[in-house]
Structure formats: structure tokens, C-alpha cells
N, C-alpha and C. Protein backbone atom coordinates (compact mmCIF):
# COMPACT_ATOMS: atom_id res chain seq x y z
N MET A 1 10.41 -22.61 8.43
CA MET A 1 10.49 -22.93 7.17
C MET A 1 9.71 -21.93 6.14
N ILE A 2 10.34 -21.67 5.20
CA ILE A 2 9.68 -20.59 4.23
C ILE A 2 9.26 -21.37 3.09
N ARG A 3 8.01 -21.23 2.64
CA ARG A 3 7.48 -22.08 1.75
C ARG A 3 6.24 -21.23 1.10
N LYS A 4 5.78 -21.64 -0.16
CA LYS A 4 4.75 -21.15 -0.71
C LYS A 4 3.42 -21.35 -0.09
N ALA A 5 2.49 -20.39 0.16
CA ALA A 5 1.22 -20.51 0.92
C ALA A 5 0.28 -21.57 0.25
N LYS A 6 -0.54 -22.11 1.31
CA LYS A 6 -1.52 -23.10 0.83
C LYS A 6 -2.89 -22.42 1.08
N ILE A 7 -3.97 -23.18 0.62
CA ILE A 7 -5.18 -22.58 1.00
C ILE A 7 -5.43 -22.60 2.35
N LYS A 8 -5.06 -23.61 3.23
CA LYS A 8 -5.33 -23.97 4.56
C LYS A 8 -4.62 -22.70 5.37
N ASP A 9 -3.83 -22.01 4.87
CA ASP A 9 -2.93 -20.98 5.54
C ASP A 9 -3.76 -19.55 5.55
N ILE A 10 -4.71 -19.41 4.73
CA ILE A 10 -5.35 -18.10 4.42
C ILE A 10 -5.88 -17.47 5.83
N LYS A 11 -6.52 -18.20 6.54
CA LYS A 11 -7.09 -17.66 7.92
C LYS A 11 -5.91 -17.12 8.91
N GLN A 12 -4.87 -17.89 8.82
CA GLN A 12 -3.66 -17.37 9.77
C GLN A 12 -3.08 -16.20 9.05
N ILE A 13 -2.79 -16.13 7.68
CA ILE A 13 -2.34 -15.09 7.06
C ILE A 13 -3.14 -13.88 7.41
N GLN A 14 -4.50 -14.00 7.37
CA GLN A 14 -5.26 -12.70 7.41
C GLN A 14 -5.12 -12.28 8.96
N GLU A 15 -4.93 -13.33 9.77
CA GLU A 15 -4.65 -12.90 11.37
C GLU A 15 -3.44 -12.20 11.56
N LEU A 16 -2.38 -12.74 10.80
CA LEU A 16 -1.17 -11.89 10.97
C LEU A 16 -1.14 -10.47 10.34
N ILE A 17 -1.87 -10.32 9.33
CA ILE A 17 -1.87 -8.97 8.70
C ILE A 17 -2.83 -8.19 9.54
N ALA A 18 -3.99 -8.79 10.07
CA ALA A 18 -4.87 -7.88 11.09
C ALA A 18 -4.23 -7.27 12.10
N VAL A 19 -3.25 -7.96 12.87
CA VAL A 19 -2.50 -7.41 13.73
C VAL A 19 -1.88 -5.98 13.70
N PHE A 20 -1.38 -5.87 12.40
CA PHE A 20 -0.69 -4.69 11.90
C PHE A 20 -1.76 -3.70 11.31
N ALA A 21 -2.72 -4.26 10.88
CA ALA A 21 -3.89 -3.38 10.27
C ALA A 21 -4.51 -2.53 11.34
N LYS A 22 -4.68 -3.18 12.49
CA LYS A 22 -5.37 -2.62 13.67
C LYS A 22 -4.43 -1.58 14.18
N GLN A 23 -3.15 -1.63 14.03
CA GLN A 23 -2.18 -0.58 14.49
C GLN A 23 -1.99 0.48 13.37
N ASP A 24 -2.80 0.38 12.19
CA ASP A 24 -2.58 1.42 11.22
C ASP A 24 -1.30 1.47 10.58
N THR A 25 -0.54 0.18 10.59
CA THR A 25 0.86 0.16 9.89
C THR A 25 0.77 -0.67 8.72
N MET A 26 -0.44 -1.23 8.31
CA MET A 26 -0.52 -2.11 7.19
C MET A 26 -1.91 -1.92 6.68
N LEU A 27 -2.17 -2.34 5.37
CA LEU A 27 -3.54 -2.37 4.88
C LEU A 27 -4.11 -3.65 5.31
N PRO A 28 -5.46 -3.75 5.69
CA PRO A 28 -6.07 -5.03 5.93
C PRO A 28 -6.30 -5.78 4.48
N ARG A 29 -6.39 -6.95 4.65
CA ARG A 29 -6.71 -7.90 3.50
C ARG A 29 -8.07 -8.60 3.85
N SER A 30 -8.96 -8.71 2.85
CA SER A 30 -10.10 -9.27 3.07
C SER A 30 -9.92 -10.95 2.80
N LEU A 31 -10.63 -11.72 3.41
CA LEU A 31 -10.40 -13.19 3.02
C LEU A 31 -10.62 -13.41 1.48
N ASN A 32 -11.58 -12.74 0.88
CA ASN A 32 -11.75 -12.73 -0.59
C ASN A 32 -10.36 -12.42 -1.37
N GLU A 33 -9.91 -11.24 -0.95
CA GLU A 33 -8.52 -10.89 -1.65
C GLU A 33 -7.39 -11.93 -1.49
N LEU A 34 -7.43 -12.30 -0.08
CA LEU A 34 -6.47 -13.53 0.02
C LEU A 34 -6.54 -14.73 -0.48
N TYR A 35 -7.85 -15.14 -0.81
CA TYR A 35 -8.01 -16.60 -1.63
C TYR A 35 -7.68 -16.15 -3.03
N GLU A 36 -8.03 -14.89 -3.65
CA GLU A 36 -7.75 -14.81 -5.06
C GLU A 36 -6.33 -14.46 -5.30
N ASN A 37 -5.68 -14.31 -4.25
CA ASN A 37 -4.14 -13.93 -4.55
C ASN A 37 -3.22 -14.85 -3.78
N ILE A 38 -3.75 -16.10 -3.43
CA ILE A 38 -2.87 -17.16 -2.51
C ILE A 38 -1.55 -17.39 -3.33
N ARG A 39 -1.58 -17.40 -4.67
CA ARG A 39 -0.25 -17.87 -5.32
C ARG A 39 0.63 -16.60 -5.08
N ASP A 40 0.31 -15.57 -4.70
CA ASP A 40 1.47 -14.48 -4.59
C ASP A 40 2.25 -14.81 -3.31
N PHE A 41 1.54 -15.59 -2.35
CA PHE A 41 2.09 -15.44 -0.94
C PHE A 41 3.16 -16.61 -0.62
N TRP A 42 4.04 -16.09 0.30
CA TRP A 42 5.11 -16.93 0.91
C TRP A 42 4.84 -16.91 2.32
N VAL A 43 4.96 -17.93 3.14
CA VAL A 43 4.88 -17.87 4.49
C VAL A 43 6.03 -18.53 5.20
N TYR A 44 6.14 -18.05 6.47
CA TYR A 44 7.16 -18.62 7.28
C TYR A 44 6.27 -19.60 8.36
N GLU A 45 6.61 -20.83 8.33
CA GLU A 45 5.82 -21.94 9.14
C GLU A 45 6.95 -22.42 10.17
N ASN A 46 6.45 -22.47 11.44
CA ASN A 46 7.30 -22.97 12.55
C ASN A 46 6.40 -23.90 13.38
N LYS A 47 6.71 -25.13 13.35
CA LYS A 47 5.75 -26.18 14.31
C LYS A 47 4.20 -26.04 13.93
N GLY A 48 4.07 -25.88 12.63
CA GLY A 48 2.60 -25.90 12.25
C GLY A 48 1.88 -24.66 12.40
N LYS A 49 2.64 -23.59 12.76
CA LYS A 49 2.15 -22.18 13.09
C LYS A 49 2.83 -21.28 12.20
N LEU A 50 1.84 -20.35 11.46
CA LEU A 50 2.50 -19.28 10.58
C LEU A 50 2.95 -18.20 11.49
N GLU A 51 4.08 -17.74 11.16
CA GLU A 51 4.69 -16.81 12.06
C GLU A 51 5.22 -15.58 10.98
N GLY A 52 4.86 -15.79 9.91
CA GLY A 52 5.34 -14.68 8.94
C GLY A 52 4.61 -14.90 7.52
N CYS A 53 4.46 -13.76 6.70
CA CYS A 53 3.89 -13.90 5.47
C CYS A 53 4.44 -12.67 4.50
N ALA A 54 4.56 -12.92 3.31
CA ALA A 54 4.67 -11.80 2.25
C ALA A 54 4.35 -12.30 1.01
N ALA A 55 3.85 -11.20 0.18
CA ALA A 55 3.39 -11.60 -1.16
C ALA A 55 4.17 -10.99 -2.40
N LEU A 56 4.27 -11.57 -3.27
CA LEU A 56 4.97 -10.99 -4.49
C LEU A 56 3.83 -10.86 -5.62
N HIS A 57 3.43 -9.56 -5.92
CA HIS A 57 2.35 -9.40 -6.79
C HIS A 57 2.94 -8.82 -8.13
N ILE A 58 2.69 -9.45 -9.21
CA ILE A 58 3.17 -8.91 -10.49
C ILE A 58 2.27 -7.73 -10.99
N SER A 59 2.89 -6.54 -11.07
CA SER A 59 2.07 -5.50 -11.49
C SER A 59 2.01 -4.95 -12.87
N TRP A 60 3.16 -5.20 -13.51
CA TRP A 60 3.22 -4.54 -14.84
C TRP A 60 4.47 -5.10 -15.54
N ASP A 61 4.36 -5.50 -16.80
CA ASP A 61 5.61 -5.91 -17.57
C ASP A 61 6.76 -6.40 -16.67
N ASP A 62 7.85 -5.63 -16.43
CA ASP A 62 9.00 -6.02 -15.70
C ASP A 62 8.74 -5.51 -14.31
N LEU A 63 7.72 -5.18 -13.72
CA LEU A 63 7.50 -4.71 -12.30
C LEU A 63 6.59 -5.45 -11.56
N ALA A 64 7.14 -5.72 -10.28
CA ALA A 64 6.38 -6.48 -9.36
C ALA A 64 6.49 -5.76 -7.87
N GLU A 65 5.43 -6.28 -7.02
CA GLU A 65 5.30 -5.64 -5.74
C GLU A 65 5.59 -6.52 -4.57
N VAL A 66 6.38 -6.18 -3.57
CA VAL A 66 6.37 -6.96 -2.37
C VAL A 66 5.29 -6.38 -1.49
N LYS A 67 4.47 -7.09 -1.10
CA LYS A 67 3.19 -6.57 -0.16
C LYS A 67 2.76 -7.56 0.88
N SER A 68 2.10 -6.90 1.75
CA SER A 68 1.67 -7.85 2.94
C SER A 68 2.67 -8.46 3.84
N LEU A 69 3.86 -7.81 3.94
CA LEU A 69 4.85 -8.34 4.77
C LEU A 69 4.41 -8.24 6.25
N ALA A 70 4.31 -9.38 6.92
CA ALA A 70 3.95 -9.35 8.30
C ALA A 70 4.73 -10.40 9.08
N VAL A 71 5.26 -10.28 10.18
CA VAL A 71 5.90 -11.19 11.13
C VAL A 71 5.35 -10.93 12.34
N ALA A 72 5.05 -12.27 13.01
CA ALA A 72 4.64 -12.20 14.49
C ALA A 72 5.49 -11.28 15.28
N LYS A 73 4.76 -10.55 16.25
CA LYS A 73 5.41 -9.68 16.99
C LYS A 73 6.59 -10.27 17.81
N ASN A 74 6.41 -11.44 18.45
CA ASN A 74 7.33 -11.99 19.25
C ASN A 74 8.48 -12.83 18.29
N LYS A 75 8.31 -12.75 17.04
CA LYS A 75 9.44 -13.41 16.31
C LYS A 75 10.10 -12.49 15.56
N GLN A 76 9.96 -11.05 15.51
CA GLN A 76 10.57 -10.00 14.80
C GLN A 76 12.01 -10.01 15.32
N GLY A 77 12.82 -9.56 14.38
CA GLY A 77 14.18 -9.33 14.57
C GLY A 77 15.14 -10.68 14.45
N LYS A 78 14.47 -11.78 14.03
CA LYS A 78 15.20 -13.04 13.79
C LYS A 78 15.46 -13.26 12.44
N GLY A 79 15.22 -12.42 11.41
CA GLY A 79 15.40 -12.58 10.02
C GLY A 79 14.42 -13.09 9.21
N ILE A 80 13.37 -13.49 9.76
CA ILE A 80 12.08 -14.03 9.17
C ILE A 80 11.62 -13.10 7.97
N GLY A 81 11.51 -11.77 8.38
CA GLY A 81 10.96 -10.79 7.37
C GLY A 81 11.96 -10.60 6.26
N ARG A 82 13.41 -10.73 6.50
CA ARG A 82 14.22 -10.53 5.40
C ARG A 82 14.27 -11.76 4.60
N ASP A 83 14.04 -12.90 5.20
CA ASP A 83 14.02 -14.32 4.34
C ASP A 83 12.91 -14.06 3.40
N LEU A 84 11.58 -13.79 4.08
CA LEU A 84 10.42 -13.61 3.17
C LEU A 84 10.54 -12.80 2.08
N VAL A 85 11.20 -11.78 2.33
CA VAL A 85 11.34 -10.55 1.07
C VAL A 85 12.43 -11.32 0.02
N LEU A 86 13.52 -11.92 0.58
CA LEU A 86 14.28 -12.66 -0.40
C LEU A 86 13.76 -13.63 -1.06
N ALA A 87 12.73 -14.36 -0.41
CA ALA A 87 12.06 -15.46 -1.25
C ALA A 87 11.17 -14.75 -2.38
N CYS A 88 10.59 -13.79 -2.35
CA CYS A 88 10.03 -12.87 -2.95
C CYS A 88 10.82 -12.50 -4.24
N LEU A 89 11.88 -11.74 -3.90
CA LEU A 89 12.91 -11.29 -4.85
C LEU A 89 13.41 -12.43 -5.78
N ALA A 90 13.65 -13.43 -5.13
CA ALA A 90 14.24 -14.75 -5.93
C ALA A 90 13.10 -15.25 -6.99
N GLU A 91 11.81 -15.14 -6.57
CA GLU A 91 10.73 -15.65 -7.36
C GLU A 91 10.61 -14.53 -8.53
N ALA A 92 10.76 -13.32 -8.23
CA ALA A 92 10.58 -12.23 -9.11
C ALA A 92 11.68 -12.20 -10.28
N GLU A 93 12.88 -12.54 -9.82
CA GLU A 93 13.94 -12.94 -10.82
C GLU A 93 13.48 -14.09 -11.79
N VAL A 94 12.98 -15.12 -11.14
CA VAL A 94 12.80 -16.17 -11.95
C VAL A 94 11.66 -15.90 -12.93
N MET A 95 10.70 -15.24 -12.65
CA MET A 95 9.58 -14.84 -13.43
C MET A 95 9.86 -13.70 -14.30
N GLY A 96 11.09 -13.12 -14.33
CA GLY A 96 11.55 -12.24 -15.26
C GLY A 96 11.12 -10.64 -14.87
N SER A 97 10.91 -10.38 -13.64
CA SER A 97 10.71 -9.02 -13.17
C SER A 97 12.08 -8.32 -13.04
N LYS A 98 12.24 -7.24 -13.28
CA LYS A 98 13.47 -6.50 -13.35
C LYS A 98 13.51 -5.50 -12.19
N LYS A 99 12.29 -5.14 -11.81
CA LYS A 99 12.14 -3.92 -10.77
C LYS A 99 11.13 -4.51 -9.81
N ILE A 100 11.32 -4.30 -8.34
CA ILE A 100 10.36 -4.62 -7.36
C ILE A 100 10.14 -3.44 -6.66
N PHE A 101 9.05 -3.15 -6.32
CA PHE A 101 8.73 -1.82 -5.48
C PHE A 101 7.87 -2.30 -4.18
N VAL A 102 7.83 -1.46 -3.17
CA VAL A 102 7.26 -1.72 -1.95
C VAL A 102 6.56 -0.21 -1.76
N LEU A 103 5.44 -0.19 -1.06
CA LEU A 103 4.79 0.74 -0.44
C LEU A 103 4.73 0.57 1.09
N THR A 104 5.35 1.40 1.88
CA THR A 104 5.62 0.88 3.36
C THR A 104 5.72 2.15 4.42
N TYR A 105 5.49 1.70 5.48
CA TYR A 105 5.52 2.72 6.58
C TYR A 105 6.92 2.38 7.21
N LYS A 106 7.65 1.44 6.86
CA LYS A 106 8.94 0.94 7.38
C LYS A 106 10.02 1.15 6.47
N PRO A 107 10.40 2.24 5.79
CA PRO A 107 11.48 2.29 4.93
C PRO A 107 12.91 1.73 5.10
N GLY A 108 13.19 1.93 6.36
CA GLY A 108 14.41 1.46 7.03
C GLY A 108 14.84 -0.11 6.60
N PHE A 109 13.77 -0.73 6.93
CA PHE A 109 13.77 -2.42 6.65
C PHE A 109 14.08 -2.59 5.26
N PHE A 110 13.51 -1.99 4.39
CA PHE A 110 13.61 -2.15 2.91
C PHE A 110 14.96 -1.70 2.42
N LYS A 111 15.32 -0.62 3.03
CA LYS A 111 16.55 0.09 2.49
C LYS A 111 17.78 -0.96 2.90
N LYS A 112 17.67 -1.64 3.96
CA LYS A 112 18.78 -2.55 4.32
C LYS A 112 18.85 -3.77 3.40
N LEU A 113 17.77 -3.83 2.55
CA LEU A 113 17.78 -5.09 1.38
C LEU A 113 18.00 -4.41 0.12
N GLY A 114 18.41 -3.09 0.05
CA GLY A 114 18.82 -2.59 -1.30
C GLY A 114 17.86 -1.75 -1.96
N PHE A 115 16.55 -1.56 -1.35
CA PHE A 115 15.54 -0.76 -1.93
C PHE A 115 15.92 0.67 -1.77
N LYS A 116 15.59 1.46 -2.76
CA LYS A 116 15.85 2.88 -2.76
C LYS A 116 14.52 3.82 -2.93
N ARG A 117 14.52 4.75 -2.04
CA ARG A 117 13.23 5.55 -2.02
C ARG A 117 12.97 6.24 -3.46
N ILE A 118 11.73 6.40 -3.95
CA ILE A 118 11.42 7.07 -5.17
C ILE A 118 10.10 7.86 -4.89
N LYS A 119 9.84 8.64 -5.97
CA LYS A 119 8.63 9.31 -5.93
C LYS A 119 7.48 8.47 -6.26
N HIS A 120 6.32 8.48 -5.64
CA HIS A 120 5.13 7.74 -5.94
C HIS A 120 4.88 7.91 -7.48
N GLU A 121 5.19 9.11 -8.09
CA GLU A 121 4.81 9.43 -9.39
C GLU A 121 5.73 8.51 -10.44
N ALA A 122 6.74 8.02 -9.87
CA ALA A 122 7.79 7.27 -10.67
C ALA A 122 7.18 5.80 -11.08
N LEU A 123 6.14 5.44 -10.28
CA LEU A 123 5.41 4.19 -10.69
C LEU A 123 4.49 4.32 -11.59
N PRO A 124 3.95 3.38 -12.43
CA PRO A 124 3.04 3.41 -13.60
C PRO A 124 1.52 3.61 -12.73
N HIS A 125 0.76 4.12 -13.50
CA HIS A 125 -0.63 4.60 -13.07
C HIS A 125 -1.34 3.17 -12.78
N LYS A 126 -0.92 2.20 -13.40
CA LYS A 126 -1.86 0.93 -13.25
C LYS A 126 -1.65 0.55 -11.62
N ILE A 127 -0.70 0.75 -10.94
CA ILE A 127 -0.66 0.31 -9.50
C ILE A 127 -1.42 1.10 -8.71
N TRP A 128 -1.97 2.25 -9.07
CA TRP A 128 -2.90 2.91 -8.15
C TRP A 128 -4.29 2.38 -8.24
N ALA A 129 -4.69 1.50 -9.16
CA ALA A 129 -6.01 1.02 -9.09
C ALA A 129 -6.27 0.46 -7.67
N GLU A 130 -5.38 -0.30 -7.03
CA GLU A 130 -5.65 -0.76 -5.55
C GLU A 130 -5.90 0.55 -4.61
N CYS A 131 -5.07 1.50 -4.86
CA CYS A 131 -5.13 2.68 -3.98
C CYS A 131 -6.24 3.37 -3.99
N ILE A 132 -7.05 3.46 -5.16
CA ILE A 132 -8.16 4.35 -5.21
C ILE A 132 -9.30 3.64 -4.22
N ASN A 133 -9.32 2.30 -4.08
CA ASN A 133 -10.21 1.76 -3.26
C ASN A 133 -9.87 1.63 -1.65
N CYS A 134 -8.79 2.40 -1.39
CA CYS A 134 -8.13 2.29 -0.11
C CYS A 134 -8.79 3.42 0.83
N CYS A 135 -9.02 3.14 1.99
CA CYS A 135 -9.49 4.13 3.04
C CYS A 135 -8.71 5.38 3.40
N LYS A 136 -7.43 5.07 2.95
CA LYS A 136 -6.45 6.16 3.31
C LYS A 136 -6.17 6.90 1.85
N PHE A 137 -6.86 6.71 0.78
CA PHE A 137 -6.81 7.54 -0.46
C PHE A 137 -7.47 8.79 -0.28
N PRO A 138 -6.95 9.85 -0.79
CA PRO A 138 -5.59 10.15 -1.30
C PRO A 138 -4.61 10.70 -0.34
N ASN A 139 -4.74 10.43 0.95
CA ASN A 139 -3.98 10.94 1.90
C ASN A 139 -2.98 9.84 2.45
N CYS A 140 -2.40 9.12 1.79
CA CYS A 140 -1.60 8.04 1.96
C CYS A 140 -0.13 8.67 2.54
N ARG A 141 0.33 7.87 3.53
CA ARG A 141 1.63 8.36 3.98
C ARG A 141 2.66 7.17 3.64
N GLU A 142 2.17 6.29 3.01
CA GLU A 142 3.30 5.16 2.69
C GLU A 142 4.37 5.69 1.77
N ILE A 143 5.51 5.17 2.00
CA ILE A 143 6.77 5.63 1.30
C ILE A 143 6.97 4.42 0.16
N ALA A 144 7.34 4.98 -1.06
CA ALA A 144 7.60 4.19 -2.27
C ALA A 144 9.19 3.84 -2.13
N LEU A 145 9.51 2.66 -2.38
CA LEU A 145 10.87 2.24 -2.63
C LEU A 145 10.91 1.31 -3.81
N LEU A 146 12.13 1.23 -4.41
CA LEU A 146 12.38 0.37 -5.54
C LEU A 146 13.75 -0.23 -5.47
N LYS A 147 13.62 -1.46 -6.06
CA LYS A 147 14.97 -2.08 -5.97
C LYS A 147 15.16 -2.68 -7.50
N VAL A 148 16.20 -2.73 -8.09
CA VAL A 148 16.36 -3.11 -9.46
C VAL A 148 17.15 -4.29 -9.23
N LEU A 149 16.56 -5.49 -10.07
CA LEU A 149 17.27 -6.67 -9.85
C LEU A 149 18.35 -6.83 -11.00
């Protein structure tokens, strides 16, 4: 079941993200950051266990970002990631966002959902505030993609 995240989910969300962060395929998220942004998160829960998460973060005017998409390794390929992204897109549309972007190492997944590759420079400078504090800055290899709703 996909639902909005609750405070009780934070530690499981961090554990999901940490698996991929340790593999250097996703940025880690601190507990503090997760608590502060809990309202951004959607989760996939199965029998009381979180098996996936994704966040929709409003960046600027009509621009939002899908971030922290993680699905448990043994649950991948079952549509959970797609459904989490679709939940984020539906919420973005309700909120009035016209464009959704992602920064990812897995562009193929997002291209299947209608995202198109763009140059990093096409995104407003405001979104780079988080990047400046990243351990990978300025040598980031994430690929920017955008979907217009």
C-alpha cells in the first residue's frame, strides 16, 4: 500500500536509503533531514514493513523534485518504484507544479515514465543549494531529467 509517510516511518526510510547510499548510487539522508522533510515522503508498506520510499520536494514556483526513491532490493521489478513516482507526480499536479525534475544515476527508469534528459544548467540556481553541501560536489555524475505535466 502506498501512503504518505508518518513520523514512525523515519528510521525505516533512512535504512532503505542507506542501502543505496553505501553503494554510492544515492545520497545519504540524515535523521534530522528526514524529520524536517517528512511531509515530502511517500512510502510503500507491506505487512507493516516499508519496502519503498520517494519524496516530492517543492523547489521553486512551478518546479518540484522527486528524490530519495528507494525500493528494497528483493522487491525491485514489481512496479513499486513506478507507483511511488506516480504518487509524487499526482501530488505535484494537485499542488500546481508544472515541471518535475530528478537527479539520478538511473536515467533509464525515469525515461520510461516520460522524463527527458536536460542539462544541469537548465535548472534554476536555487536547486544547487543542497548540492553545495554534498560530498560529491562539484564532481557529481548524476543525470538531470525533467517531466512537464
